[in-house]
């Protein structure tokens, strides 16, 4: 059994991973999603700082989450929106956000060397 098999990914793990996007005002997030803005590239310095602070277990969780289908991530975000009412989660769970999520996940994989 590999270490990845031992790690359980919860909905909370996914939501925590997407937290960077839920910190910004919903109006800005909506604009960035509609323009398919590569936020990871824009904030690459902060992402690199995060990379140096994250535990090996959390890095493995992040890697597993980034391998999940975007549709599965969006289903989790939709559930979280229904529980919390956060507009940012609603924006991210919409079908229009799929290209935005795909772009940023690809860039995150590049920046984190995953």
PDB file of N, CA and C in Angstrom:
ATOM      1  N   UNK A   1       0.847  -1.188   0.000  1.00  0.00           N
ATOM      2  CA  UNK A   1       0.000   0.000   0.000  1.00  0.00           C
ATOM      3  C   UNK A   1       0.889   1.247   0.000  1.00  0.00           C
ATOM      4  N   UNK A   2       0.590   2.189  -0.856  1.00  0.00           N
ATOM      5  CA  UNK A   2       1.375   3.418  -0.925  1.00  0.00           C
ATOM      6  C   UNK A   2       0.845   4.439   0.070  1.00  0.00           C
ATOM      7  N   UNK A   3       1.642   5.430   0.321  1.00  0.00           N
ATOM      8  CA  UNK A   3       1.242   6.493   1.248  1.00  0.00           C
ATOM      9  C   UNK A   3      -0.024   7.185   0.755  1.00  0.00           C
ATOM     10  N   UNK A   4      -0.159   7.370  -0.563  1.00  0.00           N
ATOM     11  CA  UNK A   4      -1.355   8.007  -1.118  1.00  0.00           C
ATOM     12  C   UNK A   4      -2.606   7.226  -0.763  1.00  0.00           C
ATOM     13  N   UNK A   5      -2.510   5.892  -0.754  1.00  0.00           N
ATOM     14  CA  UNK A   5      -3.667   5.069  -0.429  1.00  0.00           C
ATOM     15  C   UNK A   5      -4.107   5.265   1.016  1.00  0.00           C
ATOM     16  N   UNK A   6      -3.182   5.672   1.866  1.00  0.00           N
ATOM     17  CA  UNK A   6      -3.484   5.833   3.284  1.00  0.00           C
ATOM     18  C   UNK A   6      -4.123   7.186   3.593  1.00  0.00           C
ATOM     19  N   UNK A   7      -3.985   8.132   2.717  1.00  0.00           N
ATOM     20  CA  UNK A   7      -4.495   9.481   2.963  1.00  0.00           C
ATOM     21  C   UNK A   7      -5.944   9.565   2.519  1.00  0.00           C
ATOM     22  N   UNK A   8      -6.783  10.021   3.429  1.00  0.00           N
ATOM     23  CA  UNK A   8      -8.192  10.204   3.124  1.00  0.00           C
ATOM     24  C   UNK A   8      -8.436  11.678   2.823  1.00  0.00           C
ATOM     25  N   UNK A   9      -9.069  11.933   1.698  1.00  0.00           N
ATOM     26  CA  UNK A   9      -9.401  13.300   1.301  1.00  0.00           C
ATOM     27  C   UNK A   9     -10.859  13.555   1.654  1.00  0.00           C
ATOM     28  N   UNK A  10     -11.083  14.606   2.414  1.00  0.00           N
ATOM     29  CA  UNK A  10     -12.442  14.961   2.811  1.00  0.00           C
ATOM     30  C   UNK A  10     -12.906  16.180   2.014  1.00  0.00           C
ATOM     31  N   UNK A  11     -14.199  16.439   2.093  1.00  0.00           N
ATOM     32  CA  UNK A  11     -14.727  17.648   1.456  1.00  0.00           C
ATOM     33  C   UNK A  11     -14.053  18.884   2.045  1.00  0.00           C
ATOM     34  N   UNK A  12     -13.776  18.835   3.331  1.00  0.00           N
ATOM     35  CA  UNK A  12     -13.121  19.968   3.987  1.00  0.00           C
ATOM     36  C   UNK A  12     -11.730  20.210   3.394  1.00  0.00           C
ATOM     37  N   UNK A  13     -11.006  19.131   3.062  1.00  0.00           N
ATOM     38  CA  UNK A  13      -9.692  19.280   2.429  1.00  0.00           C
ATOM     39  C   UNK A  13      -9.817  20.023   1.105  1.00  0.00           C
ATOM     40  N   UNK A  14     -10.819  19.658   0.320  1.00  0.00           N
ATOM     41  CA  UNK A  14     -11.032  20.312  -0.979  1.00  0.00           C
ATOM     42  C   UNK A  14     -11.376  21.780  -0.769  1.00  0.00           C
ATOM     43  N   UNK A  15     -12.262  22.050   0.162  1.00  0.00           N
ATOM     44  CA  UNK A  15     -12.676  23.431   0.427  1.00  0.00           C
ATOM     45  C   UNK A  15     -11.489  24.255   0.919  1.00  0.00           C
ATOM     46  N   UNK A  16     -10.666  23.671   1.789  1.00  0.00           N
ATOM     47  CA  UNK A  16      -9.478  24.378   2.269  1.00  0.00           C
ATOM     48  C   UNK A  16      -8.506  24.676   1.132  1.00  0.00           C
ATOM     49  N   UNK A  17      -8.397  23.752   0.186  1.00  0.00           N
ATOM     50  CA  UNK A  17      -7.519  23.952  -0.962  1.00  0.00           C
ATOM     51  C   UNK A  17      -8.008  25.113  -1.822  1.00  0.00           C
ATOM     52  N   UNK A  18      -9.309  25.250  -1.953  1.00  0.00           N
ATOM     53  CA  UNK A  18      -9.884  26.315  -2.777  1.00  0.00           C
ATOM     54  C   UNK A  18     -10.030  27.624  -1.996  1.00  0.00           C
ATOM     55  N   UNK A  19      -9.594  27.629  -0.736  1.00  0.00           N
ATOM     56  CA  UNK A  19      -9.780  28.783   0.136  1.00  0.00           C
ATOM     57  C   UNK A  19      -9.193  30.065  -0.439  1.00  0.00           C
ATOM     58  N   UNK A  20      -8.095  29.958  -1.138  1.00  0.00           N
ATOM     59  CA  UNK A  20      -7.478  31.157  -1.713  1.00  0.00           C
ATOM     60  C   UNK A  20      -8.460  31.908  -2.610  1.00  0.00           C
ATOM     61  N   UNK A  21      -9.327  31.169  -3.287  1.00  0.00           N
ATOM     62  CA  UNK A  21     -10.295  31.790  -4.189  1.00  0.00           C
ATOM     63  C   UNK A  21     -11.504  32.342  -3.442  1.00  0.00           C
ATOM     64  N   UNK A  22     -11.775  31.818  -2.243  1.00  0.00           N
ATOM     65  CA  UNK A  22     -12.943  32.288  -1.506  1.00  0.00           C
ATOM     66  C   UNK A  22     -12.612  33.481  -0.618  1.00  0.00           C
ATOM     67  N   UNK A  23     -11.357  33.854  -0.555  1.00  0.00           N
ATOM     68  CA  UNK A  23     -10.959  35.015   0.248  1.00  0.00           C
ATOM     69  C   UNK A  23     -11.207  36.334  -0.475  1.00  0.00           C
ATOM     70  N   UNK A  24     -11.296  36.280  -1.783  1.00  0.00           N
ATOM     71  CA  UNK A  24     -11.472  37.515  -2.553  1.00  0.00           C
ATOM     72  C   UNK A  24     -12.958  37.857  -2.657  1.00  0.00           C
ATOM     73  N   UNK A  25     -13.273  39.125  -2.809  1.00  0.00           N
ATOM     74  CA  UNK A  25     -14.682  39.504  -2.972  1.00  0.00           C
ATOM     75  C   UNK A  25     -15.306  38.787  -4.168  1.00  0.00           C
ATOM     76  N   UNK A  26     -16.560  38.416  -4.021  1.00  0.00           N
ATOM     77  CA  UNK A  26     -17.239  37.638  -5.060  1.00  0.00           C
ATOM     78  C   UNK A  26     -17.293  38.379  -6.393  1.00  0.00           C
ATOM     79  N   UNK A  27     -17.403  39.698  -6.370  1.00  0.00           N
ATOM     80  CA  UNK A  27     -17.463  40.449  -7.626  1.00  0.00           C
ATOM     81  C   UNK A  27     -16.148  40.315  -8.400  1.00  0.00           C
ATOM     82  N   UNK A  28     -15.019  40.335  -7.680  1.00  0.00           N
ATOM     83  CA  UNK A  28     -13.722  40.152  -8.343  1.00  0.00           C
ATOM     84  C   UNK A  28     -13.569  38.728  -8.853  1.00  0.00           C
ATOM     85  N   UNK A  29     -13.952  37.766  -8.028  1.00  0.00           N
ATOM     86  CA  UNK A  29     -13.841  36.367  -8.439  1.00  0.00           C
ATOM     87  C   UNK A  29     -14.678  36.115  -9.686  1.00  0.00           C
ATOM     88  N   UNK A  30     -15.885  36.642  -9.711  1.00  0.00           N
ATOM     89  CA  UNK A  30     -16.747  36.484 -10.882  1.00  0.00           C
ATOM     90  C   UNK A  30     -16.110  37.051 -12.136  1.00  0.00           C
ATOM     91  N   UNK A  31     -15.475  38.197 -12.002  1.00  0.00           N
ATOM     92  CA  UNK A  31     -14.794  38.826 -13.137  1.00  0.00           C
ATOM     93  C   UNK A  31     -13.613  37.966 -13.596  1.00  0.00           C
ATOM     94  N   UNK A  32     -12.833  37.472 -12.632  1.00  0.00           N
ATOM     95  CA  UNK A  32     -11.671  36.645 -12.975  1.00  0.00           C
ATOM     96  C   UNK A  32     -12.091  35.336 -13.623  1.00  0.00           C
ATOM     97  N   UNK A  33     -13.171  34.742 -13.118  1.00  0.00           N
ATOM     98  CA  UNK A  33     -13.669  33.490 -13.704  1.00  0.00           C
ATOM     99  C   UNK A  33     -14.113  33.741 -15.141  1.00  0.00           C
ATOM    100  N   UNK A  34     -14.848  34.828 -15.365  1.00  0.00           N
ATOM    101  CA  UNK A  34     -15.348  35.108 -16.718  1.00  0.00           C
ATOM    102  C   UNK A  34     -14.210  35.375 -17.707  1.00  0.00           C
ATOM    103  N   UNK A  35     -13.085  35.882 -17.204  1.00  0.00           N
ATOM    104  CA  UNK A  35     -11.928  36.151 -18.063  1.00  0.00           C
ATOM    105  C   UNK A  35     -10.919  35.002 -18.050  1.00  0.00           C
ATOM    106  N   UNK A  36     -11.234  33.937 -17.305  1.00  0.00           N
ATOM    107  CA  UNK A  36     -10.339  32.780 -17.175  1.00  0.00           C
ATOM    108  C   UNK A  36      -8.936  33.226 -16.740  1.00  0.00           C
ATOM    109  N   UNK A  37      -8.898  34.085 -15.727  1.00  0.00           N
ATOM    110  CA  UNK A  37      -7.640  34.663 -15.226  1.00  0.00           C
ATOM    111  C   UNK A  37      -6.790  33.603 -14.540  1.00  0.00           C
ATOM    112  N   UNK A  38      -5.513  33.588 -14.865  1.00  0.00           N
ATOM    113  CA  UNK A  38      -4.568  32.671 -14.243  1.00  0.00           C
ATOM    114  C   UNK A  38      -4.057  33.317 -12.954  1.00  0.00           C
ATOM    115  N   UNK A  39      -4.778  33.101 -11.856  1.00  0.00           N
ATOM    116  CA  UNK A  39      -4.418  33.719 -10.584  1.00  0.00           C
ATOM    117  C   UNK A  39      -3.165  33.115  -9.983  1.00  0.00           C
ATOM    118  N   UNK A  40      -2.945  31.836 -10.213  1.00  0.00           N
ATOM    119  CA  UNK A  40      -1.756  31.194  -9.658  1.00  0.00           C
ATOM    120  C   UNK A  40      -0.500  31.858 -10.225  1.00  0.00           C
ATOM    121  N   UNK A  41      -0.516  32.144 -11.514  1.00  0.00           N
ATOM    122  CA  UNK A  41       0.633  32.815 -12.137  1.00  0.00           C
ATOM    123  C   UNK A  41       0.796  34.218 -11.568  1.00  0.00           C
ATOM    124  N   UNK A  42      -0.320  34.919 -11.385  1.00  0.00           N
ATOM    125  CA  UNK A  42      -0.285  36.270 -10.844  1.00  0.00           C
ATOM    126  C   UNK A  42       0.308  36.292  -9.439  1.00  0.00           C
ATOM    127  N   UNK A  43      -0.047  35.293  -8.629  1.00  0.00           N
ATOM    128  CA  UNK A  43       0.397  35.239  -7.240  1.00  0.00           C
ATOM    129  C   UNK A  43       1.424  34.130  -7.017  1.00  0.00           C
ATOM    130  N   UNK A  44       2.267  33.896  -8.006  1.00  0.00           N
ATOM    131  CA  UNK A  44       3.234  32.797  -7.943  1.00  0.00           C
ATOM    132  C   UNK A  44       4.162  32.919  -6.731  1.00  0.00           C
ATOM    133  N   UNK A  45       4.559  34.121  -6.381  1.00  0.00           N
ATOM    134  CA  UNK A  45       5.432  34.325  -5.218  1.00  0.00           C
ATOM    135  C   UNK A  45       4.790  33.840  -3.932  1.00  0.00           C
ATOM    136  N   UNK A  46       3.518  34.174  -3.740  1.00  0.00           N
ATOM    137  CA  UNK A  46       2.807  33.732  -2.545  1.00  0.00           C
ATOM    138  C   UNK A  46       2.614  32.220  -2.549  1.00  0.00           C
ATOM    139  N   UNK A  47       2.366  31.657  -3.723  1.00  0.00           N
ATOM    140  CA  UNK A  47       2.192  30.205  -3.829  1.00  0.00           C
ATOM    141  C   UNK A  47       3.494  29.505  -3.459  1.00  0.00           C
ATOM    142  N   UNK A  48       4.616  30.039  -3.923  1.00  0.00           N
ATOM    143  CA  UNK A  48       5.911  29.457  -3.568  1.00  0.00           C
ATOM    144  C   UNK A  48       6.170  29.561  -2.071  1.00  0.00           C
ATOM    145  N   UNK A  49       5.768  30.672  -1.464  1.00  0.00           N
ATOM    146  CA  UNK A  49       5.894  30.815  -0.017  1.00  0.00           C
ATOM    147  C   UNK A  49       5.063  29.780   0.720  1.00  0.00           C
ATOM    148  N   UNK A  50       3.861  29.533   0.215  1.00  0.00           N
ATOM    149  CA  UNK A  50       2.978  28.520   0.796  1.00  0.00           C
ATOM    150  C   UNK A  50       3.613  27.142   0.669  1.00  0.00           C
ATOM    151  N   UNK A  51       4.198  26.880  -0.478  1.00  0.00           N
ATOM    152  CA  UNK A  51       4.808  25.572  -0.747  1.00  0.00           C
ATOM    153  C   UNK A  51       5.884  25.255   0.288  1.00  0.00           C
ATOM    154  N   UNK A  52       6.623  26.255   0.705  1.00  0.00           N
ATOM    155  CA  UNK A  52       7.705  26.046   1.663  1.00  0.00           C
ATOM    156  C   UNK A  52       7.210  25.875   3.093  1.00  0.00           C
ATOM    157  N   UNK A  53       5.946  26.186   3.352  1.00  0.00           N
ATOM    158  CA  UNK A  53       5.400  26.101   4.704  1.00  0.00           C
ATOM    159  C   UNK A  53       4.496  24.895   4.922  1.00  0.00           C
ATOM    160  N   UNK A  54       4.056  24.254   3.853  1.00  0.00           N
ATOM    161  CA  UNK A  54       3.069  23.183   3.965  1.00  0.00           C
ATOM    162  C   UNK A  54       3.751  21.874   4.380  1.00  0.00           C
ATOM    163  N   UNK A  55       3.045  21.099   5.176  1.00  0.00           N
ATOM    164  CA  UNK A  55       3.576  19.810   5.634  1.00  0.00           C
ATOM    165  C   UNK A  55       3.584  18.805   4.480  1.00  0.00           C
ATOM    166  N   UNK A  56       4.439  17.788   4.560  1.00  0.00           N
ATOM    167  CA  UNK A  56       4.448  16.758   3.510  1.00  0.00           C
ATOM    168  C   UNK A  56       3.082  16.081   3.341  1.00  0.00           C
ATOM    169  N   UNK A  57       2.366  15.838   4.439  1.00  0.00           N
ATOM    170  CA  UNK A  57       1.040  15.211   4.346  1.00  0.00           C
ATOM    171  C   UNK A  57       0.057  16.121   3.614  1.00  0.00           C
ATOM    172  N   UNK A  58       0.075  17.409   3.950  1.00  0.00           N
ATOM    173  CA  UNK A  58      -0.823  18.343   3.268  1.00  0.00           C
ATOM    174  C   UNK A  58      -0.456  18.491   1.795  1.00  0.00           C
ATOM    175  N   UNK A  59       0.832  18.403   1.479  1.00  0.00           N
ATOM    176  CA  UNK A  59       1.252  18.467   0.080  1.00  0.00           C
ATOM    177  C   UNK A  59       0.730  17.247  -0.678  1.00  0.00           C
ATOM    178  N   UNK A  60       0.735  16.080  -0.028  1.00  0.00           N
ATOM    179  CA  UNK A  60       0.188  14.883  -0.669  1.00  0.00           C
ATOM    180  C   UNK A  60      -1.315  15.025  -0.874  1.00  0.00           C
ATOM    181  N   UNK A  61      -2.008  15.589   0.112  1.00  0.00           N
ATOM    182  CA  UNK A  61      -3.445  15.825  -0.040  1.00  0.00           C
ATOM    183  C   UNK A  61      -3.704  16.759  -1.212  1.00  0.00           C
ATOM    184  N   UNK A  62      -2.924  17.812  -1.296  1.00  0.00           N
ATOM    185  CA  UNK A  62      -3.072  18.774  -2.383  1.00  0.00           C
ATOM    186  C   UNK A  62      -2.866  18.099  -3.734  1.00  0.00           C
ATOM    187  N   UNK A  63      -1.860  17.247  -3.808  1.00  0.00           N
ATOM    188  CA  UNK A  63      -1.587  16.538  -5.059  1.00  0.00           C
ATOM    189  C   UNK A  63      -2.758  15.637  -5.451  1.00  0.00           C
ATOM    190  N   UNK A  64      -3.331  14.940  -4.477  1.00  0.00           N
ATOM    191  CA  UNK A  64      -4.482  14.067  -4.744  1.00  0.00           C
ATOM    192  C   UNK A  64      -5.676  14.895  -5.207  1.00  0.00           C
ATOM    193  N   UNK A  65      -5.924  16.008  -4.536  1.00  0.00           N
ATOM    194  CA  UNK A  65      -7.048  16.880  -4.893  1.00  0.00           C
ATOM    195  C   UNK A  65      -6.874  17.415  -6.313  1.00  0.00           C
ATOM    196  N   UNK A  66      -5.654  17.770  -6.667  1.00  0.00           N
ATOM    197  CA  UNK A  66      -5.418  18.325  -7.999  1.00  0.00           C
ATOM    198  C   UNK A  66      -5.567  17.276  -9.094  1.00  0.00           C
ATOM    199  N   UNK A  67      -5.566  16.011  -8.729  1.00  0.00           N
ATOM    200  CA  UNK A  67      -5.774  14.944  -9.708  1.00  0.00           C
ATOM    201  C   UNK A  67      -7.255  14.587  -9.861  1.00  0.00           C
ATOM    202  N   UNK A  68      -8.093  15.136  -8.987  1.00  0.00           N
ATOM    203  CA  UNK A  68      -9.527  14.849  -9.055  1.00  0.00           C
ATOM    204  C   UNK A  68     -10.125  15.527 -10.287  1.00  0.00           C
ATOM    205  N   UNK A  69     -11.144  14.919 -10.884  1.00  0.00           N
ATOM    206  CA  UNK A  69     -11.830  15.587 -11.997  1.00  0.00           C
ATOM    207  C   UNK A  69     -12.450  16.907 -11.526  1.00  0.00           C
ATOM    208  N   UNK A  70     -12.401  17.911 -12.379  1.00  0.00           N
ATOM    209  CA  UNK A  70     -12.955  19.219 -12.029  1.00  0.00           C
ATOM    210  C   UNK A  70     -14.433  19.097 -11.673  1.00  0.00           C
ATOM    211  N   UNK A  71     -15.154  18.227 -12.366  1.00  0.00           N
ATOM    212  CA  UNK A  71     -16.582  18.056 -12.061  1.00  0.00           C
ATOM    213  C   UNK A  71     -16.784  17.583 -10.624  1.00  0.00           C
ATOM    214  N   UNK A  72     -15.914  16.717 -10.146  1.00  0.00           N
ATOM    215  CA  UNK A  72     -16.009  16.241  -8.764  1.00  0.00           C
ATOM    216  C   UNK A  72     -15.694  17.377  -7.788  1.00  0.00           C
ATOM    217  N   UNK A  73     -14.689  18.159  -8.085  1.00  0.00           N
ATOM    218  CA  UNK A  73     -14.361  19.313  -7.245  1.00  0.00           C
ATOM    219  C   UNK A  73     -15.535  20.287  -7.199  1.00  0.00           C
ATOM    220  N   UNK A  74     -16.143  20.518  -8.357  1.00  0.00           N
ATOM    221  CA  UNK A  74     -17.264  21.458  -8.410  1.00  0.00           C
ATOM    222  C   UNK A  74     -18.480  20.930  -7.653  1.00  0.00           C
ATOM    223  N   UNK A  75     -18.704  19.638  -7.657  1.00  0.00           N
ATOM    224  CA  UNK A  75     -19.803  19.072  -6.860  1.00  0.00           C
ATOM    225  C   UNK A  75     -19.577  19.331  -5.379  1.00  0.00           C
ATOM    226  N   UNK A  76     -18.346  19.167  -4.933  1.00  0.00           N
ATOM    227  CA  UNK A  76     -18.018  19.431  -3.531  1.00  0.00           C
ATOM    228  C   UNK A  76     -18.201  20.911  -3.220  1.00  0.00           C
ATOM    229  N   UNK A  77     -17.773  21.776  -4.127  1.00  0.00           N
ATOM    230  CA  UNK A  77     -17.937  23.216  -3.920  1.00  0.00           C
ATOM    231  C   UNK A  77     -19.411  23.608  -3.887  1.00  0.00           C
ATOM    232  N   UNK A  78     -20.230  22.950  -4.701  1.00  0.00           N
ATOM    233  CA  UNK A  78     -21.673  23.213  -4.700  1.00  0.00           C
ATOM    234  C   UNK A  78     -22.282  22.829  -3.348  1.00  0.00           C
ATOM    235  N   UNK A  79     -21.894  21.678  -2.828  1.00  0.00           N
ATOM    236  CA  UNK A  79     -22.381  21.258  -1.500  1.00  0.00           C
ATOM    237  C   UNK A  79     -21.959  22.265  -0.435  1.00  0.00           C
ATOM    238  N   UNK A  80     -20.721  22.717  -0.522  1.00  0.00           N
ATOM    239  CA  UNK A  80     -20.224  23.690   0.448  1.00  0.00           C
ATOM    240  C   UNK A  80     -20.985  25.006   0.337  1.00  0.00           C
ATOM    241  N   UNK A  81     -21.310  25.406  -0.885  1.00  0.00           N
ATOM    242  CA  UNK A  81     -22.092  26.628  -1.071  1.00  0.00           C
ATOM    243  C   UNK A  81     -23.460  26.491  -0.411  1.00  0.00           C
ATOM    244  N   UNK A  82     -24.101  25.353  -0.608  1.00  0.00           N
ATOM    245  CA  UNK A  82     -25.424  25.142  -0.019  1.00  0.00           C
ATOM    246  C   UNK A  82     -25.363  25.167   1.504  1.00  0.00           C
ATOM    247  N   UNK A  83     -24.241  24.754   2.070  1.00  0.00           N
ATOM    248  CA  UNK A  83     -24.089  24.757   3.529  1.00  0.00           C
ATOM    249  C   UNK A  83     -23.720  26.133   4.076  1.00  0.00           C
ATOM    250  N   UNK A  84     -22.908  26.876   3.324  1.00  0.00           N
ATOM    251  CA  UNK A  84     -22.371  28.129   3.851  1.00  0.00           C
ATOM    252  C   UNK A  84     -22.994  29.387   3.256  1.00  0.00           C
ATOM    253  N   UNK A  85     -23.505  29.281   2.032  1.00  0.00           N
ATOM    254  CA  UNK A  85     -24.043  30.452   1.357  1.00  0.00           C
ATOM    255  C   UNK A  85     -22.980  31.390   0.805  1.00  0.00           C
ATOM    256  N   UNK A  86     -21.705  30.974   0.811  1.00  0.00           N
ATOM    257  CA  UNK A  86     -20.629  31.822   0.281  1.00  0.00           C
ATOM    258  C   UNK A  86     -20.774  31.962  -1.230  1.00  0.00           C
ATOM    259  N   UNK A  87     -20.915  33.203  -1.680  1.00  0.00           N
ATOM    260  CA  UNK A  87     -21.093  33.458  -3.113  1.00  0.00           C
ATOM    261  C   UNK A  87     -19.907  32.959  -3.933  1.00  0.00           C
ATOM    262  N   UNK A  88     -18.716  33.031  -3.359  1.00  0.00           N
ATOM    263  CA  UNK A  88     -17.528  32.580  -4.082  1.00  0.00           C
ATOM    264  C   UNK A  88     -17.626  31.094  -4.423  1.00  0.00           C
ATOM    265  N   UNK A  89     -18.172  30.304  -3.510  1.00  0.00           N
ATOM    266  CA  UNK A  89     -18.333  28.870  -3.764  1.00  0.00           C
ATOM    267  C   UNK A  89     -19.357  28.630  -4.867  1.00  0.00           C
ATOM    268  N   UNK A  90     -20.400  29.455  -4.896  1.00  0.00           N
ATOM    269  CA  UNK A  90     -21.398  29.342  -5.960  1.00  0.00           C
ATOM    270  C   UNK A  90     -20.755  29.639  -7.315  1.00  0.00           C
ATOM    271  N   UNK A  91     -19.943  30.677  -7.363  1.00  0.00           N
ATOM    272  CA  UNK A  91     -19.263  31.044  -8.608  1.00  0.00           C
ATOM    273  C   UNK A  91     -18.363  29.902  -9.072  1.00  0.00           C
ATOM    274  N   UNK A  92     -17.578  29.347  -8.161  1.00  0.00           N
ATOM    275  CA  UNK A  92     -16.637  28.285  -8.518  1.00  0.00           C
ATOM    276  C   UNK A  92     -17.330  26.985  -8.900  1.00  0.00           C
ATOM    277  N   UNK A  93     -18.534  26.762  -8.386  1.00  0.00           N
ATOM    278  CA  UNK A  93     -19.239  25.515  -8.697  1.00  0.00           C
ATOM    279  C   UNK A  93     -20.040  25.603  -9.997  1.00  0.00           C
ATOM    280  N   UNK A  94     -20.115  26.790 -10.587  1.00  0.00           N
ATOM    281  CA  UNK A  94     -20.886  26.944 -11.827  1.00  0.00           C
ATOM    282  C   UNK A  94     -20.124  26.343 -13.012  1.00  0.00           C
ATOM    283  N   UNK A  95     -20.850  25.863 -14.024  1.00  0.00           N
ATOM    284  CA  UNK A  95     -20.187  25.297 -15.209  1.00  0.00           C
ATOM    285  C   UNK A  95     -19.233  26.284 -15.893  1.00  0.00           C
ATOM    286  N   UNK A  96     -19.541  27.576 -15.821  1.00  0.00           N
ATOM    287  CA  UNK A  96     -18.693  28.587 -16.455  1.00  0.00           C
ATOM    288  C   UNK A  96     -17.314  28.677 -15.797  1.00  0.00           C
ATOM    289  N   UNK A  97     -17.183  28.185 -14.565  1.00  0.00           N
ATOM    290  CA  UNK A  97     -15.908  28.262 -13.845  1.00  0.00           C
ATOM    291  C   UNK A  97     -14.957  27.122 -14.194  1.00  0.00           C
ATOM    292  N   UNK A  98     -15.449  26.132 -14.921  1.00  0.00           N
ATOM    293  CA  UNK A  98     -14.610  24.966 -15.229  1.00  0.00           C
ATOM    294  C   UNK A  98     -13.278  25.342 -15.894  1.00  0.00           C
ATOM    295  N   UNK A  99     -13.280  26.161 -16.960  1.00  0.00           N
ATOM    296  CA  UNK A  99     -11.993  26.525 -17.579  1.00  0.00           C
ATOM    297  C   UNK A  99     -11.063  27.266 -16.609  1.00  0.00           C
ATOM    298  N   UNK A 100     -11.639  28.124 -15.777  1.00  0.00           N
ATOM    299  CA  UNK A 100     -10.863  28.861 -14.778  1.00  0.00           C
ATOM    300  C   UNK A 100     -10.187  27.897 -13.808  1.00  0.00           C
ATOM    301  N   UNK A 101     -10.932  26.929 -13.319  1.00  0.00           N
ATOM    302  CA  UNK A 101     -10.380  25.951 -12.379  1.00  0.00           C
ATOM    303  C   UNK A 101      -9.308  25.108 -13.065  1.00  0.00           C
ATOM    304  N   UNK A 102      -9.586  24.656 -14.276  1.00  0.00           N
ATOM    305  CA  UNK A 102      -8.608  23.846 -15.012  1.00  0.00           C
ATOM    306  C   UNK A 102      -7.306  24.625 -15.229  1.00  0.00           C
ATOM    307  N   UNK A 103      -7.418  25.871 -15.651  1.00  0.00           N
ATOM    308  CA  UNK A 103      -6.240  26.715 -15.887  1.00  0.00           C
ATOM    309  C   UNK A 103      -5.413  26.868 -14.623  1.00  0.00           C
ATOM    310  N   UNK A 104      -6.086  27.175 -13.526  1.00  0.00           N
ATOM    311  CA  UNK A 104      -5.372  27.421 -12.280  1.00  0.00           C
ATOM    312  C   UNK A 104      -4.810  26.142 -11.668  1.00  0.00           C
ATOM    313  N   UNK A 105      -5.490  25.020 -11.837  1.00  0.00           N
ATOM    314  CA  UNK A 105      -4.944  23.752 -11.351  1.00  0.00           C
ATOM    315  C   UNK A 105      -3.691  23.364 -12.134  1.00  0.00           C
ATOM    316  N   UNK A 106      -3.723  23.544 -13.442  1.00  0.00           N
ATOM    317  CA  UNK A 106      -2.536  23.244 -14.256  1.00  0.00           C
ATOM    318  C   UNK A 106      -1.356  24.122 -13.849  1.00  0.00           C
ATOM    319  N   UNK A 107      -1.627  25.387 -13.642  1.00  0.00           N
ATOM    320  CA  UNK A 107      -0.562  26.307 -13.240  1.00  0.00           C
ATOM    321  C   UNK A 107      -0.050  25.962 -11.846  1.00  0.00           C
ATOM    322  N   UNK A 108      -0.939  25.579 -10.956  1.00  0.00           N
ATOM    323  CA  UNK A 108      -0.538  25.199  -9.604  1.00  0.00           C
ATOM    324  C   UNK A 108       0.348  23.957  -9.625  1.00  0.00           C
ATOM    325  N   UNK A 109       0.007  22.999 -10.472  1.00  0.00           N
ATOM    326  CA  UNK A 109       0.853  21.804 -10.617  1.00  0.00           C
ATOM    327  C   UNK A 109       2.252  22.201 -11.080  1.00  0.00           C
ATOM    328  N   UNK A 110       2.317  23.140 -12.015  1.00  0.00           N
ATOM    329  CA  UNK A 110       3.613  23.593 -12.520  1.00  0.00           C
ATOM    330  C   UNK A 110       4.417  24.281 -11.422  1.00  0.00           C
ATOM    331  N   UNK A 111       3.784  25.190 -10.713  1.00  0.00           N
ATOM    332  CA  UNK A 111       4.477  25.963  -9.687  1.00  0.00           C
ATOM    333  C   UNK A 111       4.937  25.071  -8.532  1.00  0.00           C
ATOM    334  N   UNK A 112       4.107  24.104  -8.171  1.00  0.00           N
ATOM    335  CA  UNK A 112       4.443  23.222  -7.047  1.00  0.00           C
ATOM    336  C   UNK A 112       5.281  22.015  -7.462  1.00  0.00           C
ATOM    337  N   UNK A 113       5.609  21.932  -8.745  1.00  0.00           N
ATOM    338  CA  UNK A 113       6.393  20.806  -9.268  1.00  0.00           C
ATOM    339  C   UNK A 113       5.721  19.468  -9.004  1.00  0.00           C
ATOM    340  N   UNK A 114       4.426  19.390  -9.262  1.00  0.00           N
ATOM    341  CA  UNK A 114       3.692  18.133  -9.042  1.00  0.00           C
ATOM    342  C   UNK A 114       3.412  17.436 -10.355  1.00  0.00           C
TER     343      UNK A 114
END
